[in-house]
């Protein structure tokens, strides 16, 4: 349900200010709640599927101006989880 909520919040991108969407979606939902769930899920196919769903709902335009190998500051913890 948290993943569905994150997806729905991120659908507002382009309608509501980007800073507001990133704060609510990434800083609050992803980093406070969803990432805790992912960290407590045993590594394996289920965890990978959840991570793929998180990545799929992120707006691509947020990453267009980033340098190769970098990410949004709000996604650093999620990226560290992916690297593990």
PDB file of N, CA and C in Angstrom:
ATOM      1  N   UNK A   1       0.825  -1.196   0.000  1.00  0.00           N
ATOM      2  CA  UNK A   1       0.000   0.000   0.000  1.00  0.00           C
ATOM      3  C   UNK A   1       0.870   1.262   0.000  1.00  0.00           C
ATOM      4  N   UNK A   2       2.041   1.200   0.656  1.00  0.00           N
ATOM      5  CA  UNK A   2       2.947   2.345   0.634  1.00  0.00           C
ATOM      6  C   UNK A   2       3.472   2.614  -0.772  1.00  0.00           C
ATOM      7  N   UNK A   3       3.744   1.546  -1.500  1.00  0.00           N
ATOM      8  CA  UNK A   3       4.221   1.706  -2.866  1.00  0.00           C
ATOM      9  C   UNK A   3       3.158   2.332  -3.750  1.00  0.00           C
ATOM     10  N   UNK A   4       1.926   1.928  -3.573  1.00  0.00           N
ATOM     11  CA  UNK A   4       0.815   2.516  -4.332  1.00  0.00           C
ATOM     12  C   UNK A   4       0.641   3.988  -3.966  1.00  0.00           C
ATOM     13  N   UNK A   5       0.765   4.311  -2.696  1.00  0.00           N
ATOM     14  CA  UNK A   5       0.667   5.702  -2.256  1.00  0.00           C
ATOM     15  C   UNK A   5       1.800   6.540  -2.857  1.00  0.00           C
ATOM     16  N   UNK A   6       3.023   6.020  -2.852  1.00  0.00           N
ATOM     17  CA  UNK A   6       4.153   6.713  -3.460  1.00  0.00           C
ATOM     18  C   UNK A   6       3.898   6.958  -4.941  1.00  0.00           C
ATOM     19  N   UNK A   7       3.435   5.947  -5.623  1.00  0.00           N
ATOM     20  CA  UNK A   7       3.123   6.077  -7.050  1.00  0.00           C
ATOM     21  C   UNK A   7       2.078   7.155  -7.293  1.00  0.00           C
ATOM     22  N   UNK A   8       1.033   7.170  -6.487  1.00  0.00           N
ATOM     23  CA  UNK A   8      -0.027   8.173  -6.643  1.00  0.00           C
ATOM     24  C   UNK A   8       0.476   9.585  -6.340  1.00  0.00           C
ATOM     25  N   UNK A   9       1.307   9.731  -5.332  1.00  0.00           N
ATOM     26  CA  UNK A   9       1.860  11.051  -5.004  1.00  0.00           C
ATOM     27  C   UNK A   9       2.724  11.554  -6.155  1.00  0.00           C
ATOM     28  N   UNK A  10       3.548  10.670  -6.720  1.00  0.00           N
ATOM     29  CA  UNK A  10       4.445  11.088  -7.790  1.00  0.00           C
ATOM     30  C   UNK A  10       3.706  11.389  -9.094  1.00  0.00           C
ATOM     31  N   UNK A  11       2.490  10.910  -9.224  1.00  0.00           N
ATOM     32  CA  UNK A  11       1.675  11.258 -10.404  1.00  0.00           C
ATOM     33  C   UNK A  11       1.327  12.740 -10.433  1.00  0.00           C
ATOM     34  N   UNK A  12       1.414  13.412  -9.300  1.00  0.00           N
ATOM     35  CA  UNK A  12       1.122  14.839  -9.218  1.00  0.00           C
ATOM     36  C   UNK A  12       2.278  15.693  -9.736  1.00  0.00           C
ATOM     37  N   UNK A  13       3.396  15.056 -10.108  1.00  0.00           N
ATOM     38  CA  UNK A  13       4.540  15.799 -10.638  1.00  0.00           C
ATOM     39  C   UNK A  13       4.110  16.545 -11.897  1.00  0.00           C
ATOM     40  N   UNK A  14       4.441  17.813 -11.956  1.00  0.00           N
ATOM     41  CA  UNK A  14       4.038  18.656 -13.076  1.00  0.00           C
ATOM     42  C   UNK A  14       2.773  19.438 -12.789  1.00  0.00           C
ATOM     43  N   UNK A  15       2.037  19.019 -11.771  1.00  0.00           N
ATOM     44  CA  UNK A  15       0.813  19.719 -11.370  1.00  0.00           C
ATOM     45  C   UNK A  15       1.092  20.525 -10.110  1.00  0.00           C
ATOM     46  N   UNK A  16       1.732  19.868  -9.148  1.00  0.00           N
ATOM     47  CA  UNK A  16       2.133  20.497  -7.890  1.00  0.00           C
ATOM     48  C   UNK A  16       3.633  20.800  -8.006  1.00  0.00           C
ATOM     49  N   UNK A  17       4.114  21.791  -7.277  1.00  0.00           N
ATOM     50  CA  UNK A  17       5.530  22.149  -7.336  1.00  0.00           C
ATOM     51  C   UNK A  17       6.421  20.933  -7.100  1.00  0.00           C
ATOM     52  N   UNK A  18       7.490  20.844  -7.876  1.00  0.00           N
ATOM     53  CA  UNK A  18       8.396  19.700  -7.790  1.00  0.00           C
ATOM     54  C   UNK A  18       8.992  19.532  -6.398  1.00  0.00           C
ATOM     55  N   UNK A  19       9.358  20.637  -5.748  1.00  0.00           N
ATOM     56  CA  UNK A  19       9.933  20.545  -4.397  1.00  0.00           C
ATOM     57  C   UNK A  19       8.963  19.886  -3.425  1.00  0.00           C
ATOM     58  N   UNK A  20       7.691  20.199  -3.546  1.00  0.00           N
ATOM     59  CA  UNK A  20       6.670  19.629  -2.666  1.00  0.00           C
ATOM     60  C   UNK A  20       6.523  18.132  -2.920  1.00  0.00           C
ATOM     61  N   UNK A  21       6.490  17.749  -4.186  1.00  0.00           N
ATOM     62  CA  UNK A  21       6.338  16.336  -4.547  1.00  0.00           C
ATOM     63  C   UNK A  21       7.560  15.539  -4.089  1.00  0.00           C
ATOM     64  N   UNK A  22       8.744  16.081  -4.314  1.00  0.00           N
ATOM     65  CA  UNK A  22       9.965  15.373  -3.904  1.00  0.00           C
ATOM     66  C   UNK A  22      10.034  15.245  -2.386  1.00  0.00           C
ATOM     67  N   UNK A  23       9.628  16.282  -1.670  1.00  0.00           N
ATOM     68  CA  UNK A  23       9.645  16.214  -0.209  1.00  0.00           C
ATOM     69  C   UNK A  23       8.665  15.171   0.299  1.00  0.00           C
ATOM     70  N   UNK A  24       7.444  15.227  -0.180  1.00  0.00           N
ATOM     71  CA  UNK A  24       6.425  14.289   0.283  1.00  0.00           C
ATOM     72  C   UNK A  24       6.717  12.867  -0.193  1.00  0.00           C
ATOM     73  N   UNK A  25       7.005  12.715  -1.475  1.00  0.00           N
ATOM     74  CA  UNK A  25       7.191  11.378  -2.040  1.00  0.00           C
ATOM     75  C   UNK A  25       8.489  10.714  -1.632  1.00  0.00           C
ATOM     76  N   UNK A  26       9.586  11.457  -1.743  1.00  0.00           N
ATOM     77  CA  UNK A  26      10.888  10.842  -1.502  1.00  0.00           C
ATOM     78  C   UNK A  26      11.336  10.970  -0.054  1.00  0.00           C
ATOM     79  N   UNK A  27      11.342  12.192   0.459  1.00  0.00           N
ATOM     80  CA  UNK A  27      11.844  12.391   1.820  1.00  0.00           C
ATOM     81  C   UNK A  27      10.942  11.758   2.865  1.00  0.00           C
ATOM     82  N   UNK A  28       9.660  11.881   2.684  1.00  0.00           N
ATOM     83  CA  UNK A  28       8.729  11.379   3.699  1.00  0.00           C
ATOM     84  C   UNK A  28       8.335   9.922   3.443  1.00  0.00           C
ATOM     85  N   UNK A  29       7.695   9.629   2.320  1.00  0.00           N
ATOM     86  CA  UNK A  29       7.201   8.266   2.086  1.00  0.00           C
ATOM     87  C   UNK A  29       8.326   7.262   1.849  1.00  0.00           C
ATOM     88  N   UNK A  30       9.197   7.544   0.900  1.00  0.00           N
ATOM     89  CA  UNK A  30      10.232   6.572   0.558  1.00  0.00           C
ATOM     90  C   UNK A  30      11.240   6.407   1.693  1.00  0.00           C
ATOM     91  N   UNK A  31      11.830   7.491   2.137  1.00  0.00           N
ATOM     92  CA  UNK A  31      12.903   7.388   3.131  1.00  0.00           C
ATOM     93  C   UNK A  31      12.425   7.048   4.531  1.00  0.00           C
ATOM     94  N   UNK A  32      11.254   7.490   4.928  1.00  0.00           N
ATOM     95  CA  UNK A  32      10.789   7.218   6.292  1.00  0.00           C
ATOM     96  C   UNK A  32      10.082   5.883   6.441  1.00  0.00           C
ATOM     97  N   UNK A  33       9.290   5.514   5.443  1.00  0.00           N
ATOM     98  CA  UNK A  33       8.440   4.336   5.608  1.00  0.00           C
ATOM     99  C   UNK A  33       8.789   3.192   4.664  1.00  0.00           C
ATOM    100  N   UNK A  34       8.840   3.476   3.380  1.00  0.00           N
ATOM    101  CA  UNK A  34       9.037   2.406   2.407  1.00  0.00           C
ATOM    102  C   UNK A  34      10.430   1.799   2.506  1.00  0.00           C
ATOM    103  N   UNK A  35      11.442   2.623   2.703  1.00  0.00           N
ATOM    104  CA  UNK A  35      12.802   2.102   2.803  1.00  0.00           C
ATOM    105  C   UNK A  35      12.964   1.209   4.037  1.00  0.00           C
ATOM    106  N   UNK A  36      12.317   1.561   5.121  1.00  0.00           N
ATOM    107  CA  UNK A  36      12.362   0.693   6.311  1.00  0.00           C
ATOM    108  C   UNK A  36      11.780  -0.683   6.006  1.00  0.00           C
ATOM    109  N   UNK A  37      10.693  -0.699   5.240  1.00  0.00           N
ATOM    110  CA  UNK A  37      10.081  -1.962   4.843  1.00  0.00           C
ATOM    111  C   UNK A  37      11.032  -2.756   3.950  1.00  0.00           C
ATOM    112  N   UNK A  38      11.676  -2.071   3.005  1.00  0.00           N
ATOM    113  CA  UNK A  38      12.608  -2.754   2.105  1.00  0.00           C
ATOM    114  C   UNK A  38      13.806  -3.313   2.867  1.00  0.00           C
ATOM    115  N   UNK A  39      14.299  -2.568   3.832  1.00  0.00           N
ATOM    116  CA  UNK A  39      15.448  -3.028   4.612  1.00  0.00           C
ATOM    117  C   UNK A  39      15.106  -4.234   5.482  1.00  0.00           C
ATOM    118  N   UNK A  40      13.842  -4.382   5.850  1.00  0.00           N
ATOM    119  CA  UNK A  40      13.410  -5.502   6.677  1.00  0.00           C
ATOM    120  C   UNK A  40      12.897  -6.684   5.866  1.00  0.00           C
ATOM    121  N   UNK A  41      12.827  -6.522   4.542  1.00  0.00           N
ATOM    122  CA  UNK A  41      12.441  -7.619   3.661  1.00  0.00           C
ATOM    123  C   UNK A  41      13.690  -8.413   3.321  1.00  0.00           C
ATOM    124  N   UNK A  42      13.652  -9.732   3.461  1.00  0.00           N
ATOM    125  CA  UNK A  42      14.843 -10.532   3.125  1.00  0.00           C
ATOM    126  C   UNK A  42      15.259 -10.295   1.670  1.00  0.00           C
ATOM    127  N   UNK A  43      16.573 -10.256   1.446  1.00  0.00           N
ATOM    128  CA  UNK A  43      17.069 -10.078   0.094  1.00  0.00           C
ATOM    129  C   UNK A  43      16.611 -11.245  -0.759  1.00  0.00           C
ATOM    130  N   UNK A  44      16.197 -10.945  -1.958  1.00  0.00           N
ATOM    131  CA  UNK A  44      15.705 -11.970  -2.855  1.00  0.00           C
ATOM    132  C   UNK A  44      14.761 -11.370  -3.878  1.00  0.00           C
ATOM    133  N   UNK A  45      14.061 -12.221  -4.594  1.00  0.00           N
ATOM    134  CA  UNK A  45      13.184 -11.753  -5.684  1.00  0.00           C
ATOM    135  C   UNK A  45      12.106 -10.774  -5.236  1.00  0.00           C
ATOM    136  N   UNK A  46      11.538 -10.978  -4.062  1.00  0.00           N
ATOM    137  CA  UNK A  46      10.475 -10.088  -3.581  1.00  0.00           C
ATOM    138  C   UNK A  46      11.011  -8.677  -3.352  1.00  0.00           C
ATOM    139  N   UNK A  47      12.181  -8.578  -2.754  1.00  0.00           N
ATOM    140  CA  UNK A  47      12.806  -7.283  -2.497  1.00  0.00           C
ATOM    141  C   UNK A  47      13.175  -6.603  -3.813  1.00  0.00           C
ATOM    142  N   UNK A  48      13.701  -7.352  -4.752  1.00  0.00           N
ATOM    143  CA  UNK A  48      14.071  -6.798  -6.065  1.00  0.00           C
ATOM    144  C   UNK A  48      12.841  -6.285  -6.789  1.00  0.00           C
ATOM    145  N   UNK A  49      11.751  -7.018  -6.727  1.00  0.00           N
ATOM    146  CA  UNK A  49      10.508  -6.597  -7.374  1.00  0.00           C
ATOM    147  C   UNK A  49       9.997  -5.287  -6.778  1.00  0.00           C
ATOM    148  N   UNK A  50      10.044  -5.170  -5.466  1.00  0.00           N
ATOM    149  CA  UNK A  50       9.606  -3.930  -4.812  1.00  0.00           C
ATOM    150  C   UNK A  50      10.492  -2.755  -5.223  1.00  0.00           C
ATOM    151  N   UNK A  51      11.792  -2.973  -5.265  1.00  0.00           N
ATOM    152  CA  UNK A  51      12.713  -1.905  -5.673  1.00  0.00           C
ATOM    153  C   UNK A  51      12.462  -1.489  -7.120  1.00  0.00           C
ATOM    154  N   UNK A  52      12.214  -2.446  -7.979  1.00  0.00           N
ATOM    155  CA  UNK A  52      11.901  -2.130  -9.381  1.00  0.00           C
ATOM    156  C   UNK A  52      10.640  -1.290  -9.492  1.00  0.00           C
ATOM    157  N   UNK A  53       9.652  -1.580  -8.666  1.00  0.00           N
ATOM    158  CA  UNK A  53       8.416  -0.806  -8.685  1.00  0.00           C
ATOM    159  C   UNK A  53       8.641   0.620  -8.202  1.00  0.00           C
ATOM    160  N   UNK A  54       9.508   0.793  -7.215  1.00  0.00           N
ATOM    161  CA  UNK A  54       9.846   2.137  -6.745  1.00  0.00           C
ATOM    162  C   UNK A  54      10.501   2.918  -7.874  1.00  0.00           C
ATOM    163  N   UNK A  55      11.479   2.317  -8.522  1.00  0.00           N
ATOM    164  CA  UNK A  55      12.195   2.983  -9.615  1.00  0.00           C
ATOM    165  C   UNK A  55      11.241   3.316 -10.758  1.00  0.00           C
ATOM    166  N   UNK A  56      10.316   2.427 -11.056  1.00  0.00           N
ATOM    167  CA  UNK A  56       9.393   2.639 -12.176  1.00  0.00           C
ATOM    168  C   UNK A  56       8.474   3.833 -11.967  1.00  0.00           C
ATOM    169  N   UNK A  57       8.185   4.193 -10.741  1.00  0.00           N
ATOM    170  CA  UNK A  57       7.255   5.304 -10.515  1.00  0.00           C
ATOM    171  C   UNK A  57       7.957   6.659 -10.413  1.00  0.00           C
ATOM    172  N   UNK A  58       9.297   6.682 -10.441  1.00  0.00           N
ATOM    173  CA  UNK A  58      10.026   7.944 -10.376  1.00  0.00           C
ATOM    174  C   UNK A  58       9.983   8.647 -11.738  1.00  0.00           C
ATOM    175  N   UNK A  59       9.641   9.930 -11.758  1.00  0.00           N
ATOM    176  CA  UNK A  59       9.595  10.669 -13.026  1.00  0.00           C
ATOM    177  C   UNK A  59      10.980  10.754 -13.678  1.00  0.00           C
ATOM    178  N   UNK A  60      11.075  10.380 -14.940  1.00  0.00           N
ATOM    179  CA  UNK A  60      12.355  10.365 -15.649  1.00  0.00           C
ATOM    180  C   UNK A  60      12.976  11.753 -15.755  1.00  0.00           C
ATOM    181  N   UNK A  61      12.151  12.775 -15.840  1.00  0.00           N
ATOM    182  CA  UNK A  61      12.695  14.123 -16.042  1.00  0.00           C
ATOM    183  C   UNK A  61      13.514  14.597 -14.849  1.00  0.00           C
ATOM    184  N   UNK A  62      13.323  13.995 -13.675  1.00  0.00           N
ATOM    185  CA  UNK A  62      14.110  14.360 -12.508  1.00  0.00           C
ATOM    186  C   UNK A  62      15.582  13.993 -12.693  1.00  0.00           C
ATOM    187  N   UNK A  63      15.876  13.083 -13.609  1.00  0.00           N
ATOM    188  CA  UNK A  63      17.227  12.562 -13.778  1.00  0.00           C
ATOM    189  C   UNK A  63      17.917  13.065 -15.038  1.00  0.00           C
ATOM    190  N   UNK A  64      17.234  13.862 -15.832  1.00  0.00           N
ATOM    191  CA  UNK A  64      17.770  14.291 -17.118  1.00  0.00           C
ATOM    192  C   UNK A  64      19.011  15.161 -17.004  1.00  0.00           C
ATOM    193  N   UNK A  65      19.090  16.026 -16.018  1.00  0.00           N
ATOM    194  CA  UNK A  65      20.216  16.950 -15.900  1.00  0.00           C
ATOM    195  C   UNK A  65      21.301  16.472 -14.933  1.00  0.00           C
ATOM    196  N   UNK A  66      21.180  15.256 -14.452  1.00  0.00           N
ATOM    197  CA  UNK A  66      22.176  14.728 -13.519  1.00  0.00           C
ATOM    198  C   UNK A  66      23.389  14.186 -14.271  1.00  0.00           C
ATOM    199  N   UNK A  67      24.540  14.304 -13.657  1.00  0.00           N
ATOM    200  CA  UNK A  67      25.756  13.745 -14.235  1.00  0.00           C
ATOM    201  C   UNK A  67      25.723  12.227 -14.081  1.00  0.00           C
ATOM    202  N   UNK A  68      26.444  11.558 -14.925  1.00  0.00           N
ATOM    203  CA  UNK A  68      26.520  10.101 -14.867  1.00  0.00           C
ATOM    204  C   UNK A  68      27.066   9.653 -13.513  1.00  0.00           C
ATOM    205  N   UNK A  69      26.433   8.671 -12.935  1.00  0.00           N
ATOM    206  CA  UNK A  69      26.876   8.147 -11.647  1.00  0.00           C
ATOM    207  C   UNK A  69      26.366   8.922 -10.445  1.00  0.00           C
ATOM    208  N   UNK A  70      25.522   9.926 -10.667  1.00  0.00           N
ATOM    209  CA  UNK A  70      24.973  10.689  -9.537  1.00  0.00           C
ATOM    210  C   UNK A  70      23.470  10.462  -9.453  1.00  0.00           C
ATOM    211  N   UNK A  71      22.898  10.900  -8.351  1.00  0.00           N
ATOM    212  CA  UNK A  71      21.466  10.736  -8.145  1.00  0.00           C
ATOM    213  C   UNK A  71      20.928  11.922  -7.359  1.00  0.00           C
ATOM    214  N   UNK A  72      19.646  11.919  -7.138  1.00  0.00           N
ATOM    215  CA  UNK A  72      19.019  12.954  -6.323  1.00  0.00           C
ATOM    216  C   UNK A  72      19.429  12.752  -4.869  1.00  0.00           C
ATOM    217  N   UNK A  73      19.637  13.834  -4.132  1.00  0.00           N
ATOM    218  CA  UNK A  73      20.039  13.686  -2.721  1.00  0.00           C
ATOM    219  C   UNK A  73      19.044  12.857  -1.914  1.00  0.00           C
ATOM    220  N   UNK A  74      17.760  12.964  -2.230  1.00  0.00           N
ATOM    221  CA  UNK A  74      16.732  12.225  -1.486  1.00  0.00           C
ATOM    222  C   UNK A  74      16.794  10.721  -1.751  1.00  0.00           C
ATOM    223  N   UNK A  75      17.501  10.310  -2.796  1.00  0.00           N
ATOM    224  CA  UNK A  75      17.561   8.895  -3.157  1.00  0.00           C
ATOM    225  C   UNK A  75      18.856   8.206  -2.715  1.00  0.00           C
ATOM    226  N   UNK A  76      19.713   8.902  -1.992  1.00  0.00           N
ATOM    227  CA  UNK A  76      20.998   8.310  -1.599  1.00  0.00           C
ATOM    228  C   UNK A  76      20.832   7.035  -0.778  1.00  0.00           C
ATOM    229  N   UNK A  77      19.940   7.047   0.200  1.00  0.00           N
ATOM    230  CA  UNK A  77      19.728   5.846   1.028  1.00  0.00           C
ATOM    231  C   UNK A  77      19.159   4.698   0.209  1.00  0.00           C
ATOM    232  N   UNK A  78      18.243   5.006  -0.682  1.00  0.00           N
ATOM    233  CA  UNK A  78      17.670   3.974  -1.557  1.00  0.00           C
ATOM    234  C   UNK A  78      18.746   3.396  -2.475  1.00  0.00           C
ATOM    235  N   UNK A  79      19.607   4.249  -3.012  1.00  0.00           N
ATOM    236  CA  UNK A  79      20.695   3.788  -3.881  1.00  0.00           C
ATOM    237  C   UNK A  79      21.653   2.889  -3.122  1.00  0.00           C
ATOM    238  N   UNK A  80      21.952   3.241  -1.879  1.00  0.00           N
ATOM    239  CA  UNK A  80      22.825   2.396  -1.065  1.00  0.00           C
ATOM    240  C   UNK A  80      22.208   1.018  -0.850  1.00  0.00           C
ATOM    241  N   UNK A  81      20.892   0.989  -0.652  1.00  0.00           N
ATOM    242  CA  UNK A  81      20.200  -0.306  -0.509  1.00  0.00           C
ATOM    243  C   UNK A  81      20.301  -1.107  -1.802  1.00  0.00           C
ATOM    244  N   UNK A  82      20.155  -0.442  -2.940  1.00  0.00           N
ATOM    245  CA  UNK A  82      20.249  -1.138  -4.216  1.00  0.00           C
ATOM    246  C   UNK A  82      21.646  -1.721  -4.436  1.00  0.00           C
ATOM    247  N   UNK A  83      22.663  -0.986  -4.021  1.00  0.00           N
ATOM    248  CA  UNK A  83      24.037  -1.471  -4.187  1.00  0.00           C
ATOM    249  C   UNK A  83      24.331  -2.686  -3.318  1.00  0.00           C
ATOM    250  N   UNK A  84      23.645  -2.805  -2.196  1.00  0.00           N
ATOM    251  CA  UNK A  84      23.844  -3.964  -1.328  1.00  0.00           C
ATOM    252  C   UNK A  84      23.256  -5.190  -1.983  1.00  0.00           C
TER     253      UNK A  84
END
